[in-house]
Amino acid sequence: MQEAWHKNVQAGFREYQVKKMIEAGEVDRAIDNYRQLLQLRKDARTATNLASALLWKGDADGAIQVLQEALRIDPSYAWAHYYLGVSLARKREYEKAREALKEALKLRPDFPEAEFYLGVTHASEGQFQEAAAYLLSAVRSRPDAAPARYYLGLVLERLGRQKEGKAELEASRRLDPNFSLRQSTSLQGVGGNLPASTLPAGVALR
C-alpha cells in the first residue's frame, strides 16, 4: 500500500513537471516524460495527455496508436474519444473523426470542444448547414472562444449570411487577434471548404 502511495505521489509530481514543459514549448521533452509517466501510472488520462503532445508535434499516427490504448484502458474516457477525433481530422479522415467526436459528446454532453471539431469536420467537406449547427452550439456554451467564433463566422459567410458572419469574425478578433491573424493567413487561397488541417491540434475552448 505504501509503495502504491509513493508511486502516485511520484506520478503526480511528474505530471506537474510535464505540464510546465509543454507551457515552455518543450514538446519533445514532454513526450519523453509522458511515456515514462505512463509506466508509473497506466491510465487513460495519462495516455491521452501523451497523445495530445504527439498531436502538437504533428504525429497524428502516433497519437492514434496511443489513444487506442487509452480506450482499451477506459472506453468511457470522453477526452480520449475527442483527441481520437481530432487526430483523424488531421489526417482528413472526417467520417471516422465524426464517429469518435460523437462518442465523446455522448459520454459528455456538455463538451463544446467536441461540438467545435464536429463543426469543423463538416465545414471541411463543404457541409456548411451541419457545420453551423455544431458551431452555434459550441459558441452558446463558450461565447469567449475565439476559434469557435472564427470558424462560425466563416461558415455563416459561406451560407450567405454575411452580416452574421462578419459579426462573429469581429468577435473572434476582439477575443484573440493573434488566432484570427494566424487562421486568416493559413486559409488564404482555400476554395469552398475549410480544412481542419489548418487548425492547431486539439484547439482548447476552455
C-alpha atoms as a PDB file:
ATOM      1  CA  MET A   1       0.000   0.000   0.000  1.00  0.00           C
ATOM      2  CA  GLN A   2       2.837   2.382   0.876  1.00  0.00           C
ATOM      3  CA  GLU A   3       4.550   1.577  -2.446  1.00  0.00           C
ATOM      4  CA  ALA A   4       1.361   2.411  -4.367  1.00  0.00           C
ATOM      5  CA  TRP A   5       1.047   5.711  -2.488  1.00  0.00           C
ATOM      6  CA  HIS A   6       4.675   6.553  -3.281  1.00  0.00           C
ATOM      7  CA  LYS A   7       4.100   5.809  -6.985  1.00  0.00           C
ATOM      8  CA  ASN A   8       1.037   8.079  -7.034  1.00  0.00           C
ATOM      9  CA  VAL A   9       2.992  10.925  -5.440  1.00  0.00           C
ATOM     10  CA  GLN A  10       5.814  10.406  -7.949  1.00  0.00           C
ATOM     11  CA  ALA A  11       3.368  10.354 -10.857  1.00  0.00           C
ATOM     12  CA  GLY A  12       1.573  13.480  -9.648  1.00  0.00           C
ATOM     13  CA  PHE A  13       4.829  15.423  -9.381  1.00  0.00           C
ATOM     14  CA  ARG A  14       5.993  14.184 -12.789  1.00  0.00           C
ATOM     15  CA  GLU A  15       2.682  15.250 -14.367  1.00  0.00           C
ATOM     16  CA  TYR A  16       3.100  18.753 -12.931  1.00  0.00           C
ATOM     17  CA  GLN A  17       6.621  18.931 -14.384  1.00  0.00           C
ATOM     18  CA  VAL A  18       5.445  17.773 -17.815  1.00  0.00           C
ATOM     19  CA  LYS A  19       2.701  20.419 -17.925  1.00  0.00           C
ATOM     20  CA  LYS A  20       5.373  23.045 -17.276  1.00  0.00           C
ATOM     21  CA  MET A  21       7.459  21.636 -20.153  1.00  0.00           C
ATOM     22  CA  ILE A  22       4.512  21.966 -22.535  1.00  0.00           C
ATOM     23  CA  GLU A  23       3.878  25.535 -21.384  1.00  0.00           C
ATOM     24  CA  ALA A  24       7.541  26.254 -22.141  1.00  0.00           C
ATOM     25  CA  GLY A  25       7.203  24.725 -25.623  1.00  0.00           C
ATOM     26  CA  GLU A  26       9.445  21.750 -24.823  1.00  0.00           C
ATOM     27  CA  VAL A  27       7.179  19.253 -26.570  1.00  0.00           C
ATOM     28  CA  ASP A  28       9.806  16.560 -27.218  1.00  0.00           C
ATOM     29  CA  ARG A  29      10.814  16.512 -23.546  1.00  0.00           C
ATOM     30  CA  ALA A  30       7.141  16.400 -22.571  1.00  0.00           C
ATOM     31  CA  ILE A  31       6.550  13.380 -24.832  1.00  0.00           C
ATOM     32  CA  ASP A  32       9.507  11.505 -23.317  1.00  0.00           C
ATOM     33  CA  ASN A  33       8.288  12.283 -19.823  1.00  0.00           C
ATOM     34  CA  TYR A  34       4.699  11.305 -20.574  1.00  0.00           C
ATOM     35  CA  ARG A  35       5.994   7.944 -21.802  1.00  0.00           C
ATOM     36  CA  GLN A  36       7.845   7.484 -18.500  1.00  0.00           C
ATOM     37  CA  LEU A  37       4.792   8.646 -16.575  1.00  0.00           C
ATOM     38  CA  LEU A  38       2.691   6.069 -18.373  1.00  0.00           C
ATOM     39  CA  GLN A  39       4.943   3.367 -16.940  1.00  0.00           C
ATOM     40  CA  LEU A  40       4.250   4.677 -13.434  1.00  0.00           C
ATOM     41  CA  ARG A  41       0.531   5.202 -13.934  1.00  0.00           C
ATOM     42  CA  LYS A  42      -1.071   3.283 -16.792  1.00  0.00           C
ATOM     43  CA  ASP A  43      -4.358   5.145 -17.086  1.00  0.00           C
ATOM     44  CA  ALA A  44      -6.427   6.635 -19.893  1.00  0.00           C
ATOM     45  CA  ARG A  45      -5.801  10.224 -18.836  1.00  0.00           C
ATOM     46  CA  THR A  46      -2.007   9.899 -18.961  1.00  0.00           C
ATOM     47  CA  ALA A  47      -2.173   8.116 -22.321  1.00  0.00           C
ATOM     48  CA  THR A  48      -4.461  10.861 -23.678  1.00  0.00           C
ATOM     49  CA  ASN A  49      -2.071  13.564 -22.461  1.00  0.00           C
ATOM     50  CA  LEU A  50       0.753  11.787 -24.300  1.00  0.00           C
ATOM     51  CA  ALA A  51      -1.403  11.634 -27.435  1.00  0.00           C
ATOM     52  CA  SER A  52      -2.201  15.353 -27.238  1.00  0.00           C
ATOM     53  CA  ALA A  53       1.538  16.127 -27.011  1.00  0.00           C
ATOM     54  CA  LEU A  54       2.198  13.897 -30.032  1.00  0.00           C
ATOM     55  CA  LEU A  55      -0.522  15.803 -31.914  1.00  0.00           C
ATOM     56  CA  TRP A  56       1.113  19.133 -31.115  1.00  0.00           C
ATOM     57  CA  LYS A  57       4.297  17.717 -32.646  1.00  0.00           C
ATOM     58  CA  GLY A  58       2.306  16.736 -35.745  1.00  0.00           C
ATOM     59  CA  ASP A  59       2.388  12.982 -35.187  1.00  0.00           C
ATOM     60  CA  ALA A  60      -1.269  12.079 -35.759  1.00  0.00           C
ATOM     61  CA  ASP A  61      -0.484   8.408 -36.405  1.00  0.00           C
ATOM     62  CA  GLY A  62       1.436   8.123 -33.134  1.00  0.00           C
ATOM     63  CA  ALA A  63      -1.393   9.878 -31.297  1.00  0.00           C
ATOM     64  CA  ILE A  64      -3.983   7.466 -32.731  1.00  0.00           C
ATOM     65  CA  GLN A  65      -1.956   4.459 -31.609  1.00  0.00           C
ATOM     66  CA  VAL A  66      -1.695   5.815 -28.052  1.00  0.00           C
ATOM     67  CA  LEU A  67      -5.383   6.763 -27.968  1.00  0.00           C
ATOM     68  CA  GLN A  68      -6.418   3.279 -28.992  1.00  0.00           C
ATOM     69  CA  GLU A  69      -4.503   2.034 -25.952  1.00  0.00           C
ATOM     70  CA  ALA A  70      -6.174   4.709 -23.781  1.00  0.00           C
ATOM     71  CA  LEU A  71      -9.597   3.492 -24.904  1.00  0.00           C
ATOM     72  CA  ARG A  72      -8.654  -0.104 -24.161  1.00  0.00           C
ATOM     73  CA  ILE A  73      -7.856   1.030 -20.613  1.00  0.00           C
ATOM     74  CA  ASP A  74     -11.061   3.074 -20.278  1.00  0.00           C
ATOM     75  CA  PRO A  75     -13.614   3.095 -23.136  1.00  0.00           C
ATOM     76  CA  SER A  76     -15.700   5.687 -21.259  1.00  0.00           C
ATOM     77  CA  TYR A  77     -12.996   8.391 -21.177  1.00  0.00           C
ATOM     78  CA  ALA A  78     -14.515  11.167 -23.291  1.00  0.00           C
ATOM     79  CA  TRP A  79     -11.267  13.091 -23.815  1.00  0.00           C
ATOM     80  CA  ALA A  80      -9.658  10.042 -25.446  1.00  0.00           C
ATOM     81  CA  HIS A  81     -12.526   9.851 -27.957  1.00  0.00           C
ATOM     82  CA  TYR A  82     -12.216  13.600 -28.542  1.00  0.00           C
ATOM     83  CA  TYR A  83      -8.497  13.500 -29.271  1.00  0.00           C
ATOM     84  CA  LEU A  84      -9.002  10.450 -31.467  1.00  0.00           C
ATOM     85  CA  GLY A  85     -11.478  12.512 -33.483  1.00  0.00           C
ATOM     86  CA  VAL A  86      -9.027  15.411 -33.687  1.00  0.00           C
ATOM     87  CA  SER A  87      -6.214  13.074 -34.788  1.00  0.00           C
ATOM     88  CA  LEU A  88      -8.375  11.549 -37.518  1.00  0.00           C
ATOM     89  CA  ALA A  89      -9.438  15.017 -38.675  1.00  0.00           C
ATOM     90  CA  ARG A  90      -5.777  15.964 -39.003  1.00  0.00           C
ATOM     91  CA  LYS A  91      -5.444  13.009 -41.392  1.00  0.00           C
ATOM     92  CA  ARG A  92      -8.574  14.209 -43.262  1.00  0.00           C
ATOM     93  CA  GLU A  93     -10.469  11.062 -42.278  1.00  0.00           C
ATOM     94  CA  TYR A  94     -13.518  13.146 -41.496  1.00  0.00           C
ATOM     95  CA  GLU A  95     -16.199  10.452 -41.286  1.00  0.00           C
ATOM     96  CA  LYS A  96     -14.174   8.429 -38.774  1.00  0.00           C
ATOM     97  CA  ALA A  97     -13.345  11.635 -36.925  1.00  0.00           C
ATOM     98  CA  ARG A  98     -17.039  12.455 -36.538  1.00  0.00           C
ATOM     99  CA  GLU A  99     -17.763   8.985 -35.159  1.00  0.00           C
ATOM    100  CA  ALA A 100     -15.158   9.493 -32.422  1.00  0.00           C
ATOM    101  CA  LEU A 101     -16.322  13.044 -31.670  1.00  0.00           C
ATOM    102  CA  LYS A 102     -19.967  11.981 -31.428  1.00  0.00           C
ATOM    103  CA  GLU A 103     -18.958   9.256 -28.992  1.00  0.00           C
ATOM    104  CA  ALA A 104     -17.164  11.883 -26.887  1.00  0.00           C
ATOM    105  CA  LEU A 105     -20.295  14.035 -26.950  1.00  0.00           C
ATOM    106  CA  LYS A 106     -22.479  11.087 -25.978  1.00  0.00           C
ATOM    107  CA  LEU A 107     -20.273  10.383 -22.964  1.00  0.00           C
ATOM    108  CA  ARG A 108     -20.047  14.061 -22.030  1.00  0.00           C
ATOM    109  CA  PRO A 109     -22.993  16.103 -23.377  1.00  0.00           C
ATOM    110  CA  ASP A 110     -21.521  19.429 -22.226  1.00  0.00           C
ATOM    111  CA  PHE A 111     -18.465  19.256 -24.483  1.00  0.00           C
ATOM    112  CA  PRO A 112     -18.078  22.377 -26.670  1.00  0.00           C
ATOM    113  CA  GLU A 113     -14.644  21.235 -27.902  1.00  0.00           C
ATOM    114  CA  ALA A 114     -16.222  18.152 -29.479  1.00  0.00           C
ATOM    115  CA  GLU A 115     -19.031  20.262 -30.989  1.00  0.00           C
ATOM    116  CA  PHE A 116     -16.440  22.655 -32.379  1.00  0.00           C
ATOM    117  CA  TYR A 117     -14.466  19.930 -34.130  1.00  0.00           C
ATOM    118  CA  LEU A 118     -17.665  18.286 -35.409  1.00  0.00           C
ATOM    119  CA  GLY A 119     -18.470  21.632 -36.990  1.00  0.00           C
ATOM    120  CA  VAL A 120     -15.001  21.909 -38.466  1.00  0.00           C
ATOM    121  CA  THR A 121     -15.081  18.415 -39.992  1.00  0.00           C
ATOM    122  CA  HIS A 122     -18.427  19.175 -41.665  1.00  0.00           C
ATOM    123  CA  ALA A 123     -17.077  22.506 -42.946  1.00  0.00           C
ATOM    124  CA  SER A 124     -14.019  20.679 -44.266  1.00  0.00           C
ATOM    125  CA  GLU A 125     -16.308  18.728 -46.596  1.00  0.00           C
ATOM    126  CA  GLY A 126     -18.450  21.694 -47.580  1.00  0.00           C
ATOM    127  CA  GLN A 127     -21.385  20.659 -45.361  1.00  0.00           C
ATOM    128  CA  PHE A 128     -21.991  24.155 -44.049  1.00  0.00           C
ATOM    129  CA  GLN A 129     -25.523  23.744 -42.656  1.00  0.00           C
ATOM    130  CA  GLU A 130     -24.383  20.866 -40.419  1.00  0.00           C
ATOM    131  CA  ALA A 131     -21.219  22.774 -39.522  1.00  0.00           C
ATOM    132  CA  ALA A 132     -23.199  25.862 -38.495  1.00  0.00           C
ATOM    133  CA  ALA A 133     -25.435  23.857 -36.141  1.00  0.00           C
ATOM    134  CA  TYR A 134     -22.473  22.402 -34.218  1.00  0.00           C
ATOM    135  CA  LEU A 135     -20.502  25.647 -34.182  1.00  0.00           C
ATOM    136  CA  LEU A 136     -23.501  27.655 -32.952  1.00  0.00           C
ATOM    137  CA  SER A 137     -23.911  25.188 -30.093  1.00  0.00           C
ATOM    138  CA  ALA A 138     -20.211  25.470 -29.223  1.00  0.00           C
ATOM    139  CA  VAL A 139     -20.420  29.276 -29.235  1.00  0.00           C
ATOM    140  CA  ARG A 140     -23.509  29.237 -26.988  1.00  0.00           C
ATOM    141  CA  SER A 141     -21.530  27.167 -24.474  1.00  0.00           C
ATOM    142  CA  ARG A 142     -18.336  29.207 -24.859  1.00  0.00           C
ATOM    143  CA  PRO A 143     -19.010  32.697 -26.249  1.00  0.00           C
ATOM    144  CA  ASP A 144     -15.468  33.687 -25.250  1.00  0.00           C
ATOM    145  CA  ALA A 145     -13.854  31.036 -27.510  1.00  0.00           C
ATOM    146  CA  ALA A 146     -12.155  32.795 -30.437  1.00  0.00           C
ATOM    147  CA  PRO A 147     -11.646  29.617 -32.552  1.00  0.00           C
ATOM    148  CA  ALA A 148     -15.343  28.700 -32.420  1.00  0.00           C
ATOM    149  CA  ARG A 149     -16.471  32.203 -33.293  1.00  0.00           C
ATOM    150  CA  TYR A 150     -13.926  32.485 -36.092  1.00  0.00           C
ATOM    151  CA  TYR A 151     -14.981  29.269 -37.809  1.00  0.00           C
ATOM    152  CA  LEU A 152     -18.660  30.056 -37.227  1.00  0.00           C
ATOM    153  CA  GLY A 153     -18.109  33.388 -38.956  1.00  0.00           C
ATOM    154  CA  LEU A 154     -16.516  31.716 -41.979  1.00  0.00           C
ATOM    155  CA  VAL A 155     -19.291  29.121 -42.195  1.00  0.00           C
ATOM    156  CA  LEU A 156     -22.046  31.731 -41.958  1.00  0.00           C
ATOM    157  CA  GLU A 157     -20.397  33.695 -44.757  1.00  0.00           C
ATOM    158  CA  ARG A 158     -20.330  30.533 -46.907  1.00  0.00           C
ATOM    159  CA  LEU A 159     -24.078  30.216 -46.232  1.00  0.00           C
ATOM    160  CA  GLY A 160     -24.648  33.746 -47.488  1.00  0.00           C
ATOM    161  CA  ARG A 161     -25.310  35.148 -44.001  1.00  0.00           C
ATOM    162  CA  GLN A 162     -22.718  37.879 -44.447  1.00  0.00           C
ATOM    163  CA  LYS A 163     -23.798  40.220 -41.661  1.00  0.00           C
ATOM    164  CA  GLU A 164     -23.876  37.476 -39.007  1.00  0.00           C
ATOM    165  CA  GLY A 165     -20.626  36.021 -40.301  1.00  0.00           C
ATOM    166  CA  LYS A 166     -18.852  39.364 -40.145  1.00  0.00           C
ATOM    167  CA  ALA A 167     -20.070  39.889 -36.563  1.00  0.00           C
ATOM    168  CA  GLU A 168     -18.634  36.522 -35.498  1.00  0.00           C
ATOM    169  CA  LEU A 169     -15.300  37.205 -37.197  1.00  0.00           C
ATOM    170  CA  GLU A 170     -15.089  40.593 -35.467  1.00  0.00           C
ATOM    171  CA  ALA A 171     -15.913  38.959 -32.133  1.00  0.00           C
ATOM    172  CA  SER A 172     -13.121  36.415 -32.723  1.00  0.00           C
ATOM    173  CA  ARG A 173     -10.627  39.192 -33.478  1.00  0.00           C
ATOM    174  CA  ARG A 174     -11.574  41.038 -30.280  1.00  0.00           C
ATOM    175  CA  LEU A 175     -11.169  37.870 -28.206  1.00  0.00           C
ATOM    176  CA  ASP A 176      -7.850  36.757 -29.731  1.00  0.00           C
ATOM    177  CA  PRO A 177      -6.353  38.879 -32.525  1.00  0.00           C
ATOM    178  CA  ASN A 178      -3.386  36.507 -32.923  1.00  0.00           C
ATOM    179  CA  PHE A 179      -5.574  33.444 -33.529  1.00  0.00           C
ATOM    180  CA  SER A 180      -7.627  35.228 -36.179  1.00  0.00           C
ATOM    181  CA  LEU A 181      -4.497  36.501 -37.928  1.00  0.00           C
ATOM    182  CA  ARG A 182      -2.867  33.049 -37.998  1.00  0.00           C
ATOM    183  CA  GLN A 183      -6.022  31.422 -39.339  1.00  0.00           C
ATOM    184  CA  SER A 184      -6.712  34.039 -41.990  1.00  0.00           C
ATOM    185  CA  THR A 185      -3.132  33.585 -43.260  1.00  0.00           C
ATOM    186  CA  SER A 186      -3.354  29.774 -43.305  1.00  0.00           C
ATOM    187  CA  LEU A 187      -6.691  29.856 -45.154  1.00  0.00           C
ATOM    188  CA  GLN A 188      -5.569  32.192 -47.943  1.00  0.00           C
ATOM    189  CA  GLY A 189      -6.273  30.611 -51.302  1.00  0.00           C
ATOM    190  CA  VAL A 190      -8.568  27.925 -49.872  1.00  0.00           C
ATOM    191  CA  GLY A 191     -11.611  27.271 -52.039  1.00  0.00           C
ATOM    192  CA  GLY A 192     -15.089  26.293 -50.900  1.00  0.00           C
ATOM    193  CA  ASN A 193     -14.181  24.039 -47.990  1.00  0.00           C
ATOM    194  CA  LEU A 194     -12.479  24.874 -44.689  1.00  0.00           C
ATOM    195  CA  PRO A 195      -9.797  22.245 -43.985  1.00  0.00           C
ATOM    196  CA  ALA A 196      -9.379  21.015 -40.420  1.00  0.00           C
ATOM    197  CA  SER A 197      -5.667  20.617 -41.150  1.00  0.00           C
ATOM    198  CA  THR A 198      -5.272  24.407 -40.822  1.00  0.00           C
ATOM    199  CA  LEU A 199      -6.186  24.216 -37.145  1.00  0.00           C
ATOM    200  CA  PRO A 200      -3.694  23.730 -34.336  1.00  0.00           C
ATOM    201  CA  ALA A 201      -4.017  20.283 -32.779  1.00  0.00           C
ATOM    202  CA  GLY A 202      -6.740  19.915 -30.208  1.00  0.00           C
ATOM    203  CA  VAL A 203      -7.901  23.522 -30.056  1.00  0.00           C
ATOM    204  CA  ALA A 204      -8.879  24.191 -26.447  1.00  0.00           C
ATOM    205  CA  LEU A 205     -12.050  26.201 -25.886  1.00  0.00           C
ATOM    206  CA  ARG A 206     -11.863  26.152 -22.110  1.00  0.00           C
END
